[in-house]
C-alpha atoms as a PDB file:
ATOM      1  CA  MET A   1     -77.218 -46.883  36.642  1.00  0.00           C
ATOM      2  CA  LYS A   2     -80.743 -49.156  37.016  1.00  0.00           C
ATOM      3  CA  TYR A   3     -80.628 -48.252  40.574  1.00  0.00           C
ATOM      4  CA  ILE A   4     -80.512 -44.361  39.919  1.00  0.00           C
ATOM      5  CA  TYR A   5     -84.588 -44.637  40.101  1.00  0.00           C
ATOM      6  CA  THR A   6     -84.578 -46.383  43.071  1.00  0.00           C
ATOM      7  CA  PHE A   7     -82.840 -43.228  44.350  1.00  0.00           C
ATOM      8  CA  ILE A   8     -85.003 -40.882  43.070  1.00  0.00           C
ATOM      9  CA  ILE A   9     -88.219 -42.106  43.965  1.00  0.00           C
ATOM     10  CA  LEU A  10     -86.685 -43.112  47.635  1.00  0.00           C
ATOM     11  CA  LEU A  11     -85.861 -40.256  48.395  1.00  0.00           C
ATOM     12  CA  ALA A  12     -88.784 -38.201  46.985  1.00  0.00           C
ATOM     13  CA  SER A  13     -90.769 -40.024  49.538  1.00  0.00           C
ATOM     14  CA  THR A  14     -88.497 -38.610  52.770  1.00  0.00           C
ATOM     15  CA  SER A  15     -87.569 -35.056  51.270  1.00  0.00           C
ATOM     16  CA  LEU A  16     -86.962 -31.314  51.969  1.00  0.00           C
ATOM     17  CA  PHE A  17     -87.597 -25.735  50.013  1.00  0.00           C
ATOM     18  CA  ALA A  18     -92.736 -23.024  49.852  1.00  0.00           C
ATOM     19  CA  GLN A  19     -95.328 -20.594  50.820  1.00  0.00           C
ATOM     20  CA  GLN A  20     -98.592 -21.298  52.175  1.00  0.00           C
ATOM     21  CA  GLN A  21     -99.648 -22.548  48.812  1.00  0.00           C
ATOM     22  CA  PHE A  22     -96.767 -25.188  47.093  1.00  0.00           C
ATOM     23  CA  SER A  23     -95.746 -22.993  43.973  1.00  0.00           C
ATOM     24  CA  ASN A  24     -97.205 -23.652  40.687  1.00  0.00           C
ATOM     25  CA  SER A  25     -99.861 -26.204  42.386  1.00  0.00           C
ATOM     26  CA  ASP A  26    -102.181 -26.039  39.373  1.00  0.00           C
ATOM     27  CA  PHE A  27     -99.236 -27.159  37.007  1.00  0.00           C
ATOM     28  CA  GLU A  28     -99.596 -24.303  34.328  1.00  0.00           C
ATOM     29  CA  ASN A  29     -96.090 -23.506  34.021  1.00  0.00           C
ATOM     30  CA  TRP A  30     -93.044 -26.008  32.395  1.00  0.00           C
ATOM     31  CA  THR A  31     -89.862 -25.237  30.938  1.00  0.00           C
ATOM     32  CA  ASN A  32     -88.867 -27.670  27.452  1.00  0.00           C
ATOM     33  CA  HIS A  33     -85.510 -29.441  27.589  1.00  0.00           C
ATOM     34  CA  PRO A  34     -84.523 -29.997  23.950  1.00  0.00           C
ATOM     35  CA  ALA A  35     -82.104 -32.748  23.201  1.00  0.00           C
ATOM     36  CA  SER A  36     -80.373 -33.797  20.059  1.00  0.00           C
ATOM     37  CA  ALA A  37     -81.037 -37.236  18.720  1.00  0.00           C
ATOM     38  CA  PRO A  38     -81.024 -40.031  19.596  1.00  0.00           C
ATOM     39  CA  PHE A  39     -82.110 -38.667  22.990  1.00  0.00           C
ATOM     40  CA  THR A  40     -85.492 -37.525  24.212  1.00  0.00           C
ATOM     41  CA  PRO A  41     -86.566 -33.859  24.659  1.00  0.00           C
ATOM     42  CA  TYR A  42     -88.776 -33.501  27.476  1.00  0.00           C
ATOM     43  CA  ASP A  43     -91.239 -30.829  29.206  1.00  0.00           C
ATOM     44  CA  GLN A  44     -90.426 -30.392  33.125  1.00  0.00           C
ATOM     45  CA  VAL A  45     -93.118 -28.817  35.671  1.00  0.00           C
ATOM     46  CA  ASP A  46     -91.467 -25.177  36.742  1.00  0.00           C
ATOM     47  CA  ASP A  47     -91.057 -25.246  40.668  1.00  0.00           C
ATOM     48  CA  TRP A  48     -91.389 -29.155  40.930  1.00  0.00           C
ATOM     49  CA  ALA A  49     -89.206 -32.116  39.759  1.00  0.00           C
ATOM     50  CA  SER A  50     -89.087 -35.419  38.401  1.00  0.00           C
ATOM     51  CA  GLY A  51     -86.489 -37.898  37.281  1.00  0.00           C
ATOM     52  CA  ASN A  52     -86.773 -37.028  33.225  1.00  0.00           C
ATOM     53  CA  ASP A  53     -83.519 -35.466  33.869  1.00  0.00           C
ATOM     54  CA  LEU A  54     -82.116 -39.213  33.163  1.00  0.00           C
ATOM     55  CA  LEU A  55     -83.318 -39.268  29.784  1.00  0.00           C
ATOM     56  CA  GLN A  56     -79.963 -37.679  28.991  1.00  0.00           C
ATOM     57  CA  LEU A  57     -78.418 -40.756  29.258  1.00  0.00           C
ATOM     58  CA  ALA A  58     -81.126 -43.111  27.915  1.00  0.00           C
ATOM     59  CA  THR A  59     -82.125 -43.549  23.889  1.00  0.00           C
ATOM     60  CA  GLY A  60     -85.856 -44.110  22.819  1.00  0.00           C
ATOM     61  CA  VAL A  61     -87.285 -43.919  26.273  1.00  0.00           C
ATOM     62  CA  GLN A  62     -90.426 -41.824  26.427  1.00  0.00           C
ATOM     63  CA  PRO A  63     -90.659 -39.195  29.554  1.00  0.00           C
ATOM     64  CA  PRO A  64     -92.520 -40.800  32.442  1.00  0.00           C
ATOM     65  CA  THR A  65     -93.531 -37.397  33.750  1.00  0.00           C
ATOM     66  CA  GLU A  66     -95.083 -35.574  30.894  1.00  0.00           C
ATOM     67  CA  LYS A  67     -97.234 -32.381  30.330  1.00  0.00           C
ATOM     68  CA  THR A  68    -100.463 -33.130  28.953  1.00  0.00           C
ATOM     69  CA  THR A  69    -103.464 -30.785  27.619  1.00  0.00           C
ATOM     70  CA  ASP A  70    -106.204 -33.292  29.133  1.00  0.00           C
ATOM     71  CA  ALA A  71    -106.615 -30.803  32.204  1.00  0.00           C
ATOM     72  CA  GLN A  72    -109.250 -30.646  34.789  1.00  0.00           C
ATOM     73  CA  HIS A  73    -109.341 -26.848  34.619  1.00  0.00           C
ATOM     74  CA  GLY A  74    -106.813 -24.236  32.910  1.00  0.00           C
ATOM     75  CA  THR A  75    -104.328 -25.519  29.792  1.00  0.00           C
ATOM     76  CA  TYR A  76    -102.450 -28.199  31.351  1.00  0.00           C
ATOM     77  CA  ALA A  77    -101.936 -31.250  33.755  1.00  0.00           C
ATOM     78  CA  VAL A  78     -99.111 -33.447  34.831  1.00  0.00           C
ATOM     79  CA  LYS A  79     -99.494 -36.960  33.073  1.00  0.00           C
ATOM     80  CA  LEU A  80     -97.238 -39.928  35.232  1.00  0.00           C
ATOM     81  CA  THR A  81     -96.587 -42.869  33.495  1.00  0.00           C
ATOM     82  CA  SER A  82     -94.913 -46.079  34.480  1.00  0.00           C
ATOM     83  CA  ARG A  83     -92.482 -47.158  32.025  1.00  0.00           C
ATOM     84  CA  LYS A  84     -88.885 -49.425  31.159  1.00  0.00           C
ATOM     85  CA  ALA A  85     -85.763 -47.997  31.519  1.00  0.00           C
ATOM     86  CA  PHE A  86     -82.164 -49.401  31.841  1.00  0.00           C
ATOM     87  CA  GLY A  87     -84.437 -52.574  31.695  1.00  0.00           C
ATOM     88  CA  GLN A  88     -86.233 -51.598  34.880  1.00  0.00           C
ATOM     89  CA  LEU A  89     -89.248 -50.100  36.130  1.00  0.00           C
ATOM     90  CA  ALA A  90     -89.349 -46.166  35.645  1.00  0.00           C
ATOM     91  CA  SER A  91     -92.452 -45.414  37.719  1.00  0.00           C
ATOM     92  CA  GLY A  92     -93.698 -41.670  36.521  1.00  0.00           C
ATOM     93  CA  ASN A  93     -92.706 -39.463  39.497  1.00  0.00           C
ATOM     94  CA  LEU A  94     -92.892 -35.487  40.834  1.00  0.00           C
ATOM     95  CA  PHE A  95     -91.807 -33.874  43.794  1.00  0.00           C
ATOM     96  CA  LEU A  96     -90.713 -31.127  45.313  1.00  0.00           C
ATOM     97  CA  GLY A  97     -87.287 -29.853  44.822  1.00  0.00           C
ATOM     98  CA  THR A  98     -84.551 -29.991  42.139  1.00  0.00           C
ATOM     99  CA  PHE A  99     -83.048 -32.879  39.889  1.00  0.00           C
ATOM    100  CA  LYS A 100     -79.682 -31.978  38.098  1.00  0.00           C
ATOM    101  CA  LEU A 101     -77.915 -35.105  36.576  1.00  0.00           C
ATOM    102  CA  ASN A 102     -74.420 -35.590  38.139  1.00  0.00           C
ATOM    103  CA  LEU A 103     -72.681 -38.113  36.229  1.00  0.00           C
ATOM    104  CA  VAL A 104     -69.777 -37.944  38.791  1.00  0.00           C
ATOM    105  CA  GLU A 105     -71.712 -38.470  41.763  1.00  0.00           C
ATOM    106  CA  PHE A 106     -75.287 -39.469  41.399  1.00  0.00           C
ATOM    107  CA  VAL A 107     -76.132 -38.800  45.027  1.00  0.00           C
ATOM    108  CA  LYS A 108     -75.783 -35.155  44.539  1.00  0.00           C
ATOM    109  CA  SER A 109     -77.851 -34.980  41.485  1.00  0.00           C
ATOM    110  CA  ALA A 110     -81.436 -34.817  43.317  1.00  0.00           C
ATOM    111  CA  LYS A 111     -81.897 -31.989  45.847  1.00  0.00           C
ATOM    112  CA  PHE A 112     -85.374 -32.486  47.439  1.00  0.00           C
ATOM    113  CA  GLY A 113     -87.835 -30.216  49.304  1.00  0.00           C
ATOM    114  CA  ILE A 114     -88.842 -26.920  50.456  1.00  0.00           C
ATOM    115  CA  PRO A 115     -88.812 -24.889  53.770  1.00  0.00           C
ATOM    116  CA  TYR A 116     -92.369 -24.995  54.825  1.00  0.00           C
ATOM    117  CA  THR A 117     -93.829 -23.794  58.417  1.00  0.00           C
ATOM    118  CA  ASP A 118     -97.302 -24.106  58.267  1.00  0.00           C
ATOM    119  CA  LYS A 119     -99.698 -27.011  59.002  1.00  0.00           C
ATOM    120  CA  PRO A 120    -102.324 -27.731  56.725  1.00  0.00           C
ATOM    121  CA  SER A 121    -105.207 -29.826  57.760  1.00  0.00           C
ATOM    122  CA  ALA A 122    -105.360 -31.534  54.103  1.00  0.00           C
ATOM    123  CA  PHE A 123    -104.180 -31.378  50.222  1.00  0.00           C
ATOM    124  CA  ASN A 124    -106.923 -31.332  47.882  1.00  0.00           C
ATOM    125  CA  VAL A 125    -105.671 -32.295  44.236  1.00  0.00           C
ATOM    126  CA  TYR A 126    -107.429 -33.842  40.794  1.00  0.00           C
ATOM    127  CA  TYR A 127    -106.903 -37.201  39.633  1.00  0.00           C
ATOM    128  CA  LYS A 128    -107.398 -39.657  37.268  1.00  0.00           C
ATOM    129  CA  TYR A 129    -105.743 -43.115  37.493  1.00  0.00           C
ATOM    130  CA  THR A 130    -105.321 -46.267  35.149  1.00  0.00           C
ATOM    131  CA  PRO A 131    -103.874 -49.109  36.645  1.00  0.00           C
ATOM    132  CA  VAL A 132    -102.070 -52.257  34.761  1.00  0.00           C
ATOM    133  CA  SER A 133    -102.453 -55.636  36.239  1.00  0.00           C
ATOM    134  CA  GLY A 134    -103.354 -54.465  39.881  1.00  0.00           C
ATOM    135  CA  ASP A 135    -100.479 -51.722  40.154  1.00  0.00           C
ATOM    136  CA  SER A 136    -101.222 -49.088  42.523  1.00  0.00           C
ATOM    137  CA  CYS A 137    -100.202 -45.005  42.570  1.00  0.00           C
ATOM    138  CA  SER A 138     -99.502 -42.965  45.438  1.00  0.00           C
ATOM    139  CA  ILE A 139     -99.972 -39.261  46.465  1.00  0.00           C
ATOM    140  CA  ALA A 140     -98.283 -38.002  49.519  1.00  0.00           C
ATOM    141  CA  ILE A 141     -97.582 -35.054  51.808  1.00  0.00           C
ATOM    142  CA  TYR A 142     -95.183 -34.914  54.628  1.00  0.00           C
ATOM    143  CA  LEU A 143     -94.055 -32.432  56.998  1.00  0.00           C
ATOM    144  CA  PHE A 144     -90.545 -32.549  58.924  1.00  0.00           C
ATOM    145  CA  LYS A 145     -89.081 -30.818  61.679  1.00  0.00           C
ATOM    146  CA  TRP A 146     -85.243 -30.862  62.396  1.00  0.00           C
ATOM    147  CA  ASN A 147     -84.416 -32.053  65.362  1.00  0.00           C
ATOM    148  CA  THR A 148     -81.212 -30.795  67.026  1.00  0.00           C
ATOM    149  CA  VAL A 149     -80.416 -33.884  69.634  1.00  0.00           C
ATOM    150  CA  SER A 150     -80.383 -36.687  66.632  1.00  0.00           C
ATOM    151  CA  LYS A 151     -79.693 -34.682  63.904  1.00  0.00           C
ATOM    152  CA  SER A 152     -81.989 -36.127  62.006  1.00  0.00           C
ATOM    153  CA  ARG A 153     -85.738 -34.828  60.547  1.00  0.00           C
ATOM    154  CA  ASP A 154     -89.010 -35.741  62.973  1.00  0.00           C
ATOM    155  CA  THR A 155     -92.026 -36.840  60.793  1.00  0.00           C
ATOM    156  CA  VAL A 156     -94.313 -33.759  62.233  1.00  0.00           C
ATOM    157  CA  GLY A 157     -97.270 -35.152  59.670  1.00  0.00           C
ATOM    158  CA  VAL A 158     -98.215 -37.605  57.042  1.00  0.00           C
ATOM    159  CA  GLY A 159    -100.881 -37.197  54.453  1.00  0.00           C
ATOM    160  CA  TYR A 160    -100.937 -40.260  52.457  1.00  0.00           C
ATOM    161  CA  PHE A 161    -103.042 -41.796  49.512  1.00  0.00           C
ATOM    162  CA  GLN A 162    -102.605 -45.001  47.591  1.00  0.00           C
ATOM    163  CA  THR A 163    -105.169 -46.782  45.353  1.00  0.00           C
ATOM    164  CA  ASN A 164    -105.420 -49.557  42.449  1.00  0.00           C
ATOM    165  CA  GLN A 165    -108.950 -48.674  41.434  1.00  0.00           C
ATOM    166  CA  THR A 166    -109.054 -47.233  37.987  1.00  0.00           C
ATOM    167  CA  VAL A 167    -110.719 -43.567  38.080  1.00  0.00           C
ATOM    168  CA  SER A 168    -111.713 -42.808  34.467  1.00  0.00           C
ATOM    169  CA  SER A 169    -112.273 -39.187  34.870  1.00  0.00           C
ATOM    170  CA  TYR A 170    -110.998 -36.327  37.067  1.00  0.00           C
ATOM    171  CA  THR A 171    -112.279 -36.769  40.576  1.00  0.00           C
ATOM    172  CA  LEU A 172    -111.414 -34.334  43.572  1.00  0.00           C
ATOM    173  CA  LEU A 173    -109.252 -36.237  46.168  1.00  0.00           C
ATOM    174  CA  THR A 174    -109.267 -34.484  49.555  1.00  0.00           C
ATOM    175  CA  VAL A 175    -106.664 -36.262  51.982  1.00  0.00           C
ATOM    176  CA  PRO A 176    -106.030 -35.308  55.568  1.00  0.00           C
ATOM    177  CA  VAL A 177    -103.047 -34.539  57.249  1.00  0.00           C
ATOM    178  CA  GLU A 178    -102.161 -36.765  60.290  1.00  0.00           C
ATOM    179  CA  TYR A 179    -100.193 -34.996  62.832  1.00  0.00           C
ATOM    180  CA  LYS A 180     -97.757 -36.829  65.089  1.00  0.00           C
ATOM    181  CA  SER A 181     -96.452 -33.689  67.385  1.00  0.00           C
ATOM    182  CA  GLU A 182     -97.310 -30.643  68.151  1.00  0.00           C
ATOM    183  CA  ALA A 183     -94.109 -29.297  66.646  1.00  0.00           C
ATOM    184  CA  THR A 184     -94.517 -26.631  64.069  1.00  0.00           C
ATOM    185  CA  PRO A 185     -92.664 -27.884  60.807  1.00  0.00           C
ATOM    186  CA  ASP A 186     -89.329 -26.288  58.892  1.00  0.00           C
ATOM    187  CA  SER A 187     -89.915 -28.151  55.929  1.00  0.00           C
ATOM    188  CA  ALA A 188     -92.145 -30.234  53.242  1.00  0.00           C
ATOM    189  CA  THR A 189     -92.661 -32.639  50.370  1.00  0.00           C
ATOM    190  CA  MET A 190     -94.979 -33.713  48.282  1.00  0.00           C
ATOM    191  CA  THR A 191     -94.623 -36.924  45.961  1.00  0.00           C
ATOM    192  CA  PHE A 192     -97.013 -38.245  43.127  1.00  0.00           C
ATOM    193  CA  ALA A 193     -95.912 -41.663  41.811  1.00  0.00           C
ATOM    194  CA  SER A 194     -97.869 -43.758  38.740  1.00  0.00           C
ATOM    195  CA  SER A 195     -96.710 -46.747  40.523  1.00  0.00           C
ATOM    196  CA  ALA A 196     -96.199 -46.775  44.254  1.00  0.00           C
ATOM    197  CA  GLY A 197     -93.884 -49.627  44.310  1.00  0.00           C
ATOM    198  CA  GLY A 198     -91.479 -47.501  42.036  1.00  0.00           C
ATOM    199  CA  LYS A 199     -88.975 -46.784  44.825  1.00  0.00           C
ATOM    200  CA  ASP A 200     -88.197 -50.645  45.112  1.00  0.00           C
ATOM    201  CA  LEU A 201     -88.267 -50.751  41.171  1.00  0.00           C
ATOM    202  CA  LYS A 202     -91.789 -52.520  41.293  1.00  0.00           C
ATOM    203  CA  GLY A 203     -94.918 -51.861  39.587  1.00  0.00           C
ATOM    204  CA  GLN A 204     -96.306 -52.140  35.844  1.00  0.00           C
ATOM    205  CA  GLU A 205     -95.204 -50.564  32.593  1.00  0.00           C
ATOM    206  CA  GLY A 206     -98.187 -48.202  31.679  1.00  0.00           C
ATOM    207  CA  SER A 207     -99.868 -47.570  34.544  1.00  0.00           C
ATOM    208  CA  THR A 208    -100.972 -43.916  34.216  1.00  0.00           C
ATOM    209  CA  LEU A 209    -101.720 -41.154  36.795  1.00  0.00           C
ATOM    210  CA  PHE A 210    -103.306 -37.794  36.063  1.00  0.00           C
ATOM    211  CA  ILE A 211    -102.892 -34.663  38.314  1.00  0.00           C
ATOM    212  CA  ASP A 212    -104.192 -31.408  38.257  1.00  0.00           C
ATOM    213  CA  ASN A 213    -105.245 -28.240  40.426  1.00  0.00           C
ATOM    214  CA  LEU A 214    -103.410 -29.047  43.972  1.00  0.00           C
ATOM    215  CA  SER A 215    -104.069 -26.806  46.808  1.00  0.00           C
ATOM    216  CA  LEU A 216    -102.939 -27.117  50.296  1.00  0.00           C
ATOM    217  CA  ASP A 217    -106.498 -27.079  52.998  1.00  0.00           C
ATOM    218  CA  PHE A 218    -105.880 -24.961  56.240  1.00  0.00           C
ATOM    219  CA  THR A 219    -109.567 -25.383  57.732  1.00  0.00           C
ATOM    220  CA  THR A 220    -110.181 -27.527  60.728  1.00  0.00           C
ATOM    221  CA  LEU A 221    -113.821 -28.672  61.315  1.00  0.00           C
ATOM    222  CA  SER A 222    -113.137 -31.499  63.297  1.00  0.00           C
ATOM    223  CA  THR A 223    -116.785 -31.364  65.049  1.00  0.00           C
ATOM    224  CA  THR A 224    -118.637 -32.081  61.585  1.00  0.00           C
ATOM    225  CA  SER A 225    -119.441 -35.245  59.685  1.00  0.00           C
ATOM    226  CA  PRO A 226    -119.199 -35.213  56.076  1.00  0.00           C
ATOM    227  CA  LEU A 227    -122.045 -33.867  53.913  1.00  0.00           C
ATOM    228  CA  ALA A 228    -122.316 -37.202  51.763  1.00  0.00           C
ATOM    229  CA  ASN A 229    -122.768 -39.202  55.023  1.00  0.00           C
ATOM    230  CA  ILE A 230    -126.266 -38.179  54.725  1.00  0.00           C
ATOM    231  CA  GLY A 231    -126.522 -38.441  51.254  1.00  0.00           C
ATOM    232  CA  THR A 232    -126.414 -34.609  50.353  1.00  0.00           C
ATOM    233  CA  ALA A 233    -124.099 -32.664  48.381  1.00  0.00           C
ATOM    234  CA  LEU A 234    -123.632 -28.947  47.090  1.00  0.00           C
ATOM    235  CA  PHE A 235    -124.285 -29.220  42.915  1.00  0.00           C
ATOM    236  CA  PRO A 236    -122.904 -28.048  40.203  1.00  0.00           C
ATOM    237  CA  ASN A 237    -119.445 -29.022  41.681  1.00  0.00           C
ATOM    238  CA  PRO A 238    -117.216 -27.789  40.275  1.00  0.00           C
ATOM    239  CA  ALA A 239    -119.466 -24.555  40.261  1.00  0.00           C
ATOM    240  CA  LYS A 240    -119.654 -21.009  38.811  1.00  0.00           C
ATOM    241  CA  ASP A 241    -122.660 -18.603  39.327  1.00  0.00           C
ATOM    242  CA  GLU A 242    -124.467 -20.658  41.709  1.00  0.00           C
ATOM    243  CA  VAL A 243    -124.836 -23.450  43.695  1.00  0.00           C
ATOM    244  CA  LYS A 244    -127.588 -25.396  45.235  1.00  0.00           C
ATOM    245  CA  ILE A 245    -127.771 -28.029  48.311  1.00  0.00           C
ATOM    246  CA  ASN A 246    -129.786 -31.009  47.095  1.00  0.00           C
ATOM    247  CA  ASN A 247    -131.931 -32.598  50.016  1.00  0.00           C
ATOM    248  CA  ALA A 248    -130.534 -29.833  52.576  1.00  0.00           C
ATOM    249  CA  PRO A 249    -130.231 -31.773  56.123  1.00  0.00           C
ATOM    250  CA  PHE A 250    -132.405 -28.745  57.764  1.00  0.00           C
ATOM    251  CA  ALA A 251    -135.226 -26.615  56.486  1.00  0.00           C
ATOM    252  CA  SER A 252    -133.336 -23.548  57.546  1.00  0.00           C
ATOM    253  CA  GLY A 253    -129.760 -22.887  58.134  1.00  0.00           C
ATOM    254  CA  THR A 254    -126.551 -21.259  57.518  1.00  0.00           C
ATOM    255  CA  LEU A 255    -123.977 -22.371  54.837  1.00  0.00           C
ATOM    256  CA  TYR A 256    -120.355 -20.935  55.334  1.00  0.00           C
ATOM    257  CA  PHE A 257    -117.347 -20.717  52.911  1.00  0.00           C
ATOM    258  CA  TYR A 258    -114.048 -21.135  53.993  1.00  0.00           C
ATOM    259  CA  ASN A 259    -111.267 -20.587  51.559  1.00  0.00           C
ATOM    260  CA  ASN A 260    -107.700 -23.097  51.516  1.00  0.00           C
ATOM    261  CA  GLN A 261    -105.886 -20.397  54.319  1.00  0.00           C
ATOM    262  CA  GLY A 262    -109.326 -21.092  56.801  1.00  0.00           C
ATOM    263  CA  VAL A 263    -110.625 -17.981  56.109  1.00  0.00           C
ATOM    264  CA  LEU A 264    -114.207 -17.607  56.588  1.00  0.00           C
ATOM    265  CA  VAL A 265    -115.190 -15.543  53.079  1.00  0.00           C
ATOM    266  CA  SER A 266    -118.483 -15.548  52.996  1.00  0.00           C
ATOM    267  CA  THR A 267    -122.092 -16.690  54.642  1.00  0.00           C
ATOM    268  CA  LYS A 268    -125.113 -17.482  53.125  1.00  0.00           C
ATOM    269  CA  THR A 269    -128.553 -18.254  54.808  1.00  0.00           C
ATOM    270  CA  TRP A 270    -131.569 -20.248  54.022  1.00  0.00           C
ATOM    271  CA  ASN A 271    -135.212 -20.388  55.370  1.00  0.00           C
ATOM    272  CA  ASP A 272    -137.989 -22.983  54.765  1.00  0.00           C
ATOM    273  CA  THR A 273    -136.885 -24.959  52.076  1.00  0.00           C
ATOM    274  CA  SER A 274    -135.125 -28.212  51.479  1.00  0.00           C
ATOM    275  CA  SER A 275    -133.223 -27.130  48.176  1.00  0.00           C
ATOM    276  CA  PRO A 276    -131.645 -23.850  48.774  1.00  0.00           C
ATOM    277  CA  SER A 277    -129.493 -22.137  46.085  1.00  0.00           C
ATOM    278  CA  PHE A 278    -126.971 -19.773  46.720  1.00  0.00           C
ATOM    279  CA  ASN A 279    -125.256 -17.031  44.628  1.00  0.00           C
ATOM    280  CA  VAL A 280    -121.923 -17.535  44.553  1.00  0.00           C
ATOM    281  CA  SER A 281    -120.339 -15.169  41.502  1.00  0.00           C
ATOM    282  CA  ASP A 282    -118.818 -13.134  44.462  1.00  0.00           C
ATOM    283  CA  LEU A 283    -116.303 -15.977  45.146  1.00  0.00           C
ATOM    284  CA  ALA A 284    -112.833 -16.090  43.486  1.00  0.00           C
ATOM    285  CA  PRO A 285    -112.040 -19.428  41.956  1.00  0.00           C
ATOM    286  CA  GLY A 286    -110.505 -22.004  43.944  1.00  0.00           C
ATOM    287  CA  TYR A 287    -111.304 -24.619  46.645  1.00  0.00           C
ATOM    288  CA  TYR A 288    -113.273 -23.770  49.325  1.00  0.00           C
ATOM    289  CA  THR A 289    -114.490 -26.013  52.450  1.00  0.00           C
ATOM    290  CA  CYS A 290    -118.013 -25.589  53.198  1.00  0.00           C
ATOM    291  CA  LYS A 291    -119.896 -25.895  56.550  1.00  0.00           C
ATOM    292  CA  ILE A 292    -123.400 -26.187  56.937  1.00  0.00           C
ATOM    293  CA  VAL A 293    -125.220 -25.462  60.117  1.00  0.00           C
ATOM    294  CA  SER A 294    -128.460 -25.662  61.766  1.00  0.00           C
ATOM    295  CA  GLU A 295    -130.375 -23.177  64.119  1.00  0.00           C
ATOM    296  CA  GLU A 296    -129.708 -26.346  66.848  1.00  0.00           C
ATOM    297  CA  GLN A 297    -126.143 -26.072  65.934  1.00  0.00           C
ATOM    298  CA  LYS A 298    -125.921 -29.464  64.053  1.00  0.00           C
ATOM    299  CA  SER A 299    -123.182 -29.227  61.196  1.00  0.00           C
ATOM    300  CA  PHE A 300    -121.930 -31.098  58.335  1.00  0.00           C
ATOM    301  CA  SER A 301    -119.229 -30.187  56.059  1.00  0.00           C
ATOM    302  CA  THR A 302    -118.279 -30.950  52.484  1.00  0.00           C
ATOM    303  CA  LYS A 303    -116.235 -29.330  49.498  1.00  0.00           C
ATOM    304  CA  LEU A 304    -116.416 -27.293  46.754  1.00  0.00           C
ATOM    305  CA  ILE A 305    -114.162 -25.861  43.774  1.00  0.00           C
ATOM    306  CA  ILE A 306    -115.379 -22.745  42.048  1.00  0.00           C
ATOM    307  CA  ASN A 307    -114.133 -22.415  38.403  1.00  0.00           C
ATOM    308  CA  GLN A 308    -114.040 -18.988  36.755  1.00  0.00           C
END
C-alpha cells in the first residue's frame, strides 16, 4: 500500500489524452468528493487528476491536493502539500489524466495524459512555494510520439522546472520547451509536485506549492533577447488598461503583442520618448508575449499578463 504514491508520481512524470490549451488550466472548476467518517472528503480539479482518491483508504489524512481561494487571479487555485500517508511521504501532486482507485489491480487505477498534437514553445504558470528543510518542487511538461517500431513512446519535447527557493508571493514562471526531434507529438502530460522527489518517497512533510493560471505559449522569438537583461520592464504587470515601458531601450520603436497561439493581435508604436505608455484595454485578458523592435531592427521580448 505504501508504494501507491510512488506509482502515481512516477507515472505522472511520463504520462499520456487536449486542445491547444489544456482544459481548466485556470483551475476554476472543481468537483467535491464526499466521504463518510472516519475518511476524509476532498475536492478534485476538473479535467486533472491527483492521488487524492487514495483517501478512501486512509483515515485522518488531509488531502495533499486542495482547492484554495488564495488565487493569483479568479476565485480558486491549487494548493499542493507534502504529507504523510501510510507512514510514507505523499507529495502533493497534480497531473493530466484520471485516477480511479482499483482495489483489485492498483496498476489500473491511473490513466495518465491527453492526446495532443501541438508544439508549444513554453508554458507559463503563476506559482509560489514554501519548502521545508531544503525540499524542492517540480513543474514539468512532456510531449511524446508513439514509435511503431519500438512499440514505446519517444520523447519529443520537455520543459522542466525545479527549485528549492522560497517564493512568498505569486510569481509568473515561464519555462521553454526543448525539442529533441522534429516529430509532431501525439500526446502530452503536465505534472506538478510539492516535493520533486515524491516519486521515490523523498521530500519533506509540509512543503507547499501553489499554482494558478497555467497557459501554453506558441510564440517563438529565438532572435530576441529578454527585455530584463537590459534592466527594462513593462509595468504594471499584470496590466489592465495601460502599460508602460520603463527605460525603453530605444527612443522610437514598435511593440508587438502575440497571444498564446503565437498570433500577432496588436501593434503599438512610439516616437522620441524613453518612457512610452500604451492603451491595452482593447486586448482580451490573458498571457501575451511582447516583442519590442527598433527602427534598426534590434529587438527584445518579454511576457505580459492582462487582467479584466
